Amino acid sequence: WFSLSFDTGDKLMGFVLREDDGASFSSATWIAADGTTTAYPDGAFAAQPLALHDVSGRKVPTQWAVQLPDRGIDVTVTALNPNAWMALSISYWEGPVIVTGSHTGRGYLEMTGYE
């Protein structure tokens, strides 16, 4: 789950659900600086891991390529603290990120399923 705030005042929320067989489903919402929203269906938003980090014995993607071509978004999302693993009853990774590329900004990333 990505929640990105760009320096333009626009925001992007998106997620990718991964299946064990390699299939995935994605969805996103664009929130313009004026507050209007645009929902994007499966496949319009893409996020691919660029770098893995070994944290608590797991390989977790802490740098991502994120695209939303309809809005000209082609950015790299990088974790500020790659060690932000939460070893709870349902383990997950969460933390702040920086955004560089076609747009700049900051955001938040949360990931599950890296057991």
C-alpha atoms as a PDB file:
ATOM      1  CA  TRP A   1       0.000   0.000   0.000  1.00  0.00           C
ATOM      2  CA  PHE A   2       1.508   3.295  -1.163  1.00  0.00           C
ATOM      3  CA  SER A   3       0.379   6.721   0.000  1.00  0.00           C
ATOM      4  CA  LEU A   4       2.412   9.355  -1.836  1.00  0.00           C
ATOM      5  CA  SER A   5       2.247  13.153  -1.546  1.00  0.00           C
ATOM      6  CA  PHE A   6       3.871  15.091  -4.358  1.00  0.00           C
ATOM      7  CA  ASP A   7       5.395  18.556  -4.099  1.00  0.00           C
ATOM      8  CA  THR A   8       2.640  19.761  -6.481  1.00  0.00           C
ATOM      9  CA  GLY A   9       0.016  19.093  -3.789  1.00  0.00           C
ATOM     10  CA  ASP A  10      -1.360  16.062  -5.635  1.00  0.00           C
ATOM     11  CA  LYS A  11      -1.526  12.656  -3.944  1.00  0.00           C
ATOM     12  CA  LEU A  12      -1.514   9.037  -5.109  1.00  0.00           C
ATOM     13  CA  MET A  13      -2.785   6.079  -3.131  1.00  0.00           C
ATOM     14  CA  GLY A  14      -2.229   2.664  -4.673  1.00  0.00           C
ATOM     15  CA  PHE A  15      -1.838  -0.976  -3.849  1.00  0.00           C
ATOM     16  CA  VAL A  16      -0.860  -4.277  -5.397  1.00  0.00           C
ATOM     17  CA  LEU A  17      -2.204  -7.614  -4.139  1.00  0.00           C
ATOM     18  CA  ARG A  18       0.100 -10.532  -4.951  1.00  0.00           C
ATOM     19  CA  GLU A  19      -0.980 -14.146  -5.407  1.00  0.00           C
ATOM     20  CA  ASP A  20       1.253 -17.169  -4.765  1.00  0.00           C
ATOM     21  CA  ASP A  21       1.027 -18.090  -8.465  1.00  0.00           C
ATOM     22  CA  GLY A  22       2.512 -14.719  -9.518  1.00  0.00           C
ATOM     23  CA  ALA A  23      -0.778 -13.084 -10.473  1.00  0.00           C
ATOM     24  CA  SER A  24      -1.570  -9.660  -9.051  1.00  0.00           C
ATOM     25  CA  PHE A  25      -4.315  -7.062  -8.782  1.00  0.00           C
ATOM     26  CA  SER A  26      -3.674  -3.329  -8.552  1.00  0.00           C
ATOM     27  CA  SER A  27      -5.801  -0.290  -7.874  1.00  0.00           C
ATOM     28  CA  ALA A  28      -5.129   3.404  -7.313  1.00  0.00           C
ATOM     29  CA  THR A  29      -6.760   6.716  -6.515  1.00  0.00           C
ATOM     30  CA  TRP A  30      -5.404  10.074  -7.668  1.00  0.00           C
ATOM     31  CA  ILE A  31      -6.238  12.988  -5.383  1.00  0.00           C
ATOM     32  CA  ALA A  32      -5.682  16.320  -7.112  1.00  0.00           C
ATOM     33  CA  ALA A  33      -4.454  19.319  -5.158  1.00  0.00           C
ATOM     34  CA  ASP A  34      -8.010  20.716  -5.279  1.00  0.00           C
ATOM     35  CA  GLY A  35      -9.366  17.548  -3.618  1.00  0.00           C
ATOM     36  CA  THR A  36     -11.016  15.948  -6.646  1.00  0.00           C
ATOM     37  CA  THR A  37     -10.422  12.213  -6.967  1.00  0.00           C
ATOM     38  CA  THR A  38      -9.988   9.823  -9.865  1.00  0.00           C
ATOM     39  CA  ALA A  39     -10.157   6.056  -9.323  1.00  0.00           C
ATOM     40  CA  TYR A  40      -7.982   3.797 -11.485  1.00  0.00           C
ATOM     41  CA  PRO A  41      -8.819   0.158 -12.214  1.00  0.00           C
ATOM     42  CA  ASP A  42      -6.655  -2.945 -12.128  1.00  0.00           C
ATOM     43  CA  GLY A  43      -3.571  -2.540 -14.294  1.00  0.00           C
ATOM     44  CA  ALA A  44      -3.521   1.264 -14.524  1.00  0.00           C
ATOM     45  CA  PHE A  45      -1.142   1.521 -11.530  1.00  0.00           C
ATOM     46  CA  ALA A  46       2.102  -0.468 -11.391  1.00  0.00           C
ATOM     47  CA  ALA A  47       4.676  -1.024  -8.651  1.00  0.00           C
ATOM     48  CA  GLN A  48       7.764  -3.207  -9.120  1.00  0.00           C
ATOM     49  CA  PRO A  49      10.467  -3.860  -6.512  1.00  0.00           C
ATOM     50  CA  LEU A  50      13.877  -2.386  -7.390  1.00  0.00           C
ATOM     51  CA  ALA A  51      15.886  -3.347  -4.300  1.00  0.00           C
ATOM     52  CA  LEU A  52      15.510  -5.889  -1.514  1.00  0.00           C
ATOM     53  CA  HIS A  53      16.722  -5.398   2.038  1.00  0.00           C
ATOM     54  CA  ASP A  54      17.448  -8.198   4.504  1.00  0.00           C
ATOM     55  CA  VAL A  55      15.499  -7.409   7.661  1.00  0.00           C
ATOM     56  CA  SER A  56      14.725  -9.930  10.409  1.00  0.00           C
ATOM     57  CA  GLY A  57      15.741 -12.792   8.128  1.00  0.00           C
ATOM     58  CA  ARG A  58      13.429 -11.715   5.283  1.00  0.00           C
ATOM     59  CA  LYS A  59      14.070 -10.105   1.925  1.00  0.00           C
ATOM     60  CA  VAL A  60      11.772  -7.080   1.847  1.00  0.00           C
ATOM     61  CA  PRO A  61      11.496  -4.648  -1.091  1.00  0.00           C
ATOM     62  CA  THR A  62      12.434  -1.212   0.211  1.00  0.00           C
ATOM     63  CA  GLN A  63      12.817   0.547  -3.125  1.00  0.00           C
ATOM     64  CA  TRP A  64      10.106   0.509  -5.789  1.00  0.00           C
ATOM     65  CA  ALA A  65       9.428   1.735  -9.310  1.00  0.00           C
ATOM     66  CA  VAL A  66       5.913   3.179  -9.335  1.00  0.00           C
ATOM     67  CA  GLN A  67       4.029   4.211 -12.469  1.00  0.00           C
ATOM     68  CA  LEU A  68       0.661   5.747 -13.195  1.00  0.00           C
ATOM     69  CA  PRO A  69       1.044   6.586 -16.908  1.00  0.00           C
ATOM     70  CA  ASP A  70      -2.280   8.422 -17.148  1.00  0.00           C
ATOM     71  CA  ARG A  71      -0.838  11.108 -14.831  1.00  0.00           C
ATOM     72  CA  GLY A  72       2.759  10.982 -16.114  1.00  0.00           C
ATOM     73  CA  ILE A  73       3.929   9.344 -12.888  1.00  0.00           C
ATOM     74  CA  ASP A  74       7.198   7.400 -13.189  1.00  0.00           C
ATOM     75  CA  VAL A  75       8.922   7.564  -9.822  1.00  0.00           C
ATOM     76  CA  THR A  76      11.247   5.708  -7.506  1.00  0.00           C
ATOM     77  CA  VAL A  77       9.953   5.227  -3.973  1.00  0.00           C
ATOM     78  CA  THR A  78      12.692   4.618  -1.376  1.00  0.00           C
ATOM     79  CA  ALA A  79      12.298   3.714   2.303  1.00  0.00           C
ATOM     80  CA  LEU A  80      13.898   6.110   4.777  1.00  0.00           C
ATOM     81  CA  ASN A  81      14.369   3.269   7.291  1.00  0.00           C
ATOM     82  CA  PRO A  82      14.648  -0.105   5.521  1.00  0.00           C
ATOM     83  CA  ASN A  83      14.706  -1.909   8.912  1.00  0.00           C
ATOM     84  CA  ALA A  84      11.138  -0.912   9.840  1.00  0.00           C
ATOM     85  CA  TRP A  85       9.867  -4.489  10.243  1.00  0.00           C
ATOM     86  CA  MET A  86       7.066  -4.995  12.772  1.00  0.00           C
ATOM     87  CA  ALA A  87       7.315  -8.519  14.188  1.00  0.00           C
ATOM     88  CA  LEU A  88       3.788  -8.769  15.575  1.00  0.00           C
ATOM     89  CA  SER A  89       1.258 -11.618  15.358  1.00  0.00           C
ATOM     90  CA  ILE A  90       0.763 -10.525  11.739  1.00  0.00           C
ATOM     91  CA  SER A  91       4.202  -9.262  10.715  1.00  0.00           C
ATOM     92  CA  TYR A  92       4.542  -6.364   8.309  1.00  0.00           C
ATOM     93  CA  TRP A  93       6.807  -3.561   7.160  1.00  0.00           C
ATOM     94  CA  GLU A  94       5.768   0.094   7.383  1.00  0.00           C
ATOM     95  CA  GLY A  95       7.459   3.428   7.213  1.00  0.00           C
ATOM     96  CA  PRO A  96       8.073   6.763   5.524  1.00  0.00           C
ATOM     97  CA  VAL A  97       9.437   6.980   1.977  1.00  0.00           C
ATOM     98  CA  ILE A  98      10.879   9.601  -0.340  1.00  0.00           C
ATOM     99  CA  VAL A  99       9.760   9.998  -3.943  1.00  0.00           C
ATOM    100  CA  THR A 100      12.079  10.943  -6.833  1.00  0.00           C
ATOM    101  CA  GLY A 101      11.748  10.870 -10.600  1.00  0.00           C
ATOM    102  CA  SER A 102       9.065  12.482 -12.763  1.00  0.00           C
ATOM    103  CA  HIS A 103       7.560  13.883  -9.546  1.00  0.00           C
ATOM    104  CA  THR A 104       9.116  14.469  -6.128  1.00  0.00           C
ATOM    105  CA  GLY A 105       7.672  14.216  -2.675  1.00  0.00           C
ATOM    106  CA  ARG A 106       7.285  11.956   0.317  1.00  0.00           C
ATOM    107  CA  GLY A 107       4.908   9.298   1.506  1.00  0.00           C
ATOM    108  CA  TYR A 108       4.211   6.157   3.426  1.00  0.00           C
ATOM    109  CA  LEU A 109       4.506   2.478   2.511  1.00  0.00           C
ATOM    110  CA  GLU A 110       3.025  -0.566   4.200  1.00  0.00           C
ATOM    111  CA  MET A 111       3.717  -4.168   3.110  1.00  0.00           C
ATOM    112  CA  THR A 112       2.525  -7.568   4.281  1.00  0.00           C
ATOM    113  CA  GLY A 113       3.172 -11.106   3.092  1.00  0.00           C
ATOM    114  CA  TYR A 114       6.972 -11.202   3.409  1.00  0.00           C
ATOM    115  CA  GLU A 115       7.206 -14.064   5.881  1.00  0.00           C
END
